Protein backbone atom coordinates (compact mmCIF):
# COMPACT_ATOMS: atom_id res chain seq x y z
CA MET A 1 -20.66 -15.44 -50.22
CA LEU A 2 -22.51 -15.45 -46.89
CA CYS A 3 -26.09 -16.63 -46.76
CA GLY A 4 -28.77 -14.56 -45.00
CA SER A 5 -28.68 -16.50 -41.73
CA SER A 6 -24.87 -16.22 -41.55
CA VAL A 7 -25.08 -12.45 -41.99
CA GLY A 8 -27.74 -12.22 -39.30
CA THR A 9 -25.68 -14.35 -36.94
CA THR A 10 -22.59 -12.24 -37.65
CA LEU A 11 -24.51 -9.03 -36.89
CA VAL A 12 -25.84 -10.44 -33.63
CA LEU A 13 -22.35 -11.52 -32.59
CA LEU A 14 -20.93 -8.12 -33.53
CA GLU A 15 -23.54 -6.39 -31.37
CA LEU A 16 -22.75 -8.73 -28.45
CA ILE A 17 -19.03 -7.98 -28.82
CA ARG A 18 -19.68 -4.23 -28.87
CA SER A 19 -21.83 -4.50 -25.76
CA ARG A 20 -19.17 -6.51 -23.95
CA ILE A 21 -16.45 -4.01 -24.93
CA ALA A 22 -18.59 -1.15 -23.57
CA GLU A 23 -19.20 -3.09 -20.35
CA ILE A 24 -15.49 -3.79 -19.85
CA GLU A 25 -14.55 -0.16 -20.60
CA ARG A 26 -17.15 1.09 -18.11
CA ARG A 27 -15.97 -1.34 -15.42
CA ASP A 28 -12.35 -0.31 -15.96
CA ARG A 29 -13.27 3.38 -15.67
CA VAL A 30 -15.19 2.67 -12.44
CA PHE A 31 -12.14 0.96 -10.94
CA GLU A 32 -9.88 3.80 -12.09
CA ALA A 33 -12.24 6.45 -10.69
CA ALA A 34 -12.47 4.61 -7.36
CA ARG A 35 -8.70 4.31 -7.15
CA ASN A 36 -8.17 8.03 -7.88
CA GLY A 37 -10.74 9.25 -5.37
CA PRO A 38 -13.52 11.78 -5.83
CA ALA A 39 -13.15 14.48 -8.43
CA VAL A 40 -13.73 18.17 -7.79
CA THR A 41 -16.24 19.39 -10.35
CA PRO A 42 -16.57 22.93 -11.65
CA LEU A 43 -20.23 23.85 -12.07
CA GLY A 44 -21.65 24.23 -15.55
CA GLU A 45 -19.35 21.88 -17.43
CA TRP A 46 -20.82 18.66 -18.83
CA LYS A 47 -20.09 15.75 -21.15
CA LEU A 48 -22.52 13.48 -22.95
CA GLU A 49 -21.21 9.95 -23.52
CA TYR A 50 -22.49 8.10 -26.58
CA PRO A 51 -22.96 4.30 -26.41
CA ILE A 52 -21.28 1.70 -28.57
CA GLY A 53 -23.80 0.24 -31.02
CA ARG A 54 -27.55 0.58 -30.98
CA GLY A 55 -29.79 0.34 -27.97
CA GLY A 56 -27.25 1.53 -25.42
CA ARG A 57 -27.81 4.26 -22.91
CA MET A 58 -26.20 7.67 -23.12
CA LEU A 59 -24.56 8.97 -19.94
CA VAL A 60 -24.21 12.52 -18.65
CA HIS A 61 -20.95 13.26 -16.82
CA THR A 62 -19.45 16.31 -15.20
CA ALA A 63 -16.53 17.70 -17.22
CA ASP A 64 -13.87 16.14 -15.01
CA CYS A 65 -15.53 12.76 -14.36
CA ARG A 66 -12.91 10.03 -14.48
CA LEU A 67 -15.51 7.51 -15.67
CA ALA A 68 -16.20 9.32 -18.95
CA SER A 69 -14.87 7.51 -22.02
CA GLY A 70 -13.46 8.92 -25.24
CA ARG A 71 -16.95 8.75 -26.76
CA THR A 72 -18.03 12.00 -25.07
CA ARG A 73 -18.93 15.42 -26.40
CA PRO A 74 -19.02 18.64 -24.36
CA THR A 75 -22.47 20.09 -23.75
CA THR A 76 -23.95 23.16 -22.11
CA ARG A 77 -26.07 22.95 -18.97
CA GLU A 78 -29.22 23.58 -21.04
CA GLN A 79 -28.32 20.81 -23.53
CA THR A 80 -27.56 18.48 -20.63
CA LEU A 81 -30.90 19.16 -18.94
CA ASP A 82 -32.68 18.56 -22.26
CA ALA A 83 -30.77 15.30 -22.70
CA VAL A 84 -31.61 13.84 -19.27
CA ARG A 85 -35.31 14.26 -20.03
CA GLN A 86 -34.92 11.59 -22.72
CA PRO A 87 -35.62 7.95 -21.69
CA HIS A 88 -32.32 6.65 -23.12
CA VAL A 89 -30.13 9.11 -21.15
CA GLU A 90 -28.94 8.61 -17.55
CA THR A 91 -26.62 10.51 -15.24
CA CYS A 92 -23.32 8.93 -14.21
CA SER A 93 -23.47 6.97 -10.97
CA ILE A 94 -19.90 7.99 -10.00
CA CYS A 95 -19.69 11.75 -10.56
CA PRO A 96 -22.14 14.24 -8.97
CA ALA A 97 -23.84 15.11 -12.30
CA ALA A 98 -27.41 14.52 -11.04
CA GLN A 99 -26.76 16.46 -7.83
CA GLU A 100 -25.21 19.42 -9.64
CA LEU A 101 -28.05 19.46 -12.19
CA GLY A 102 -30.59 19.45 -9.35
CA ILE A 103 -32.08 16.10 -10.39
CA PRO A 104 -33.66 14.29 -7.42
CA ASP A 105 -32.64 10.72 -6.67
CA PRO A 106 -35.12 8.15 -8.02
């Protein structure tokens, strides 16, 4: 049986592993997207990418963004605009999601 501190340590390590996996997946998708060139995006099609674990940021992608992972769900333009108003949601830095949504650069 694990003692309390062992369980806490295990949970912290698990969260670190999940974060590292998400980081590696994102980096791999960036390299793949860069290698394949820019994508042509139909207007009005969006994906919302959910993070691995707690505390991660959600990403908004255009429907054909090559950076989007398998943890995405299709959304409408209205749902996407509602999502980007939340502090834990960002637009993808590779696809033109922010531009197509009319969101000014920070």
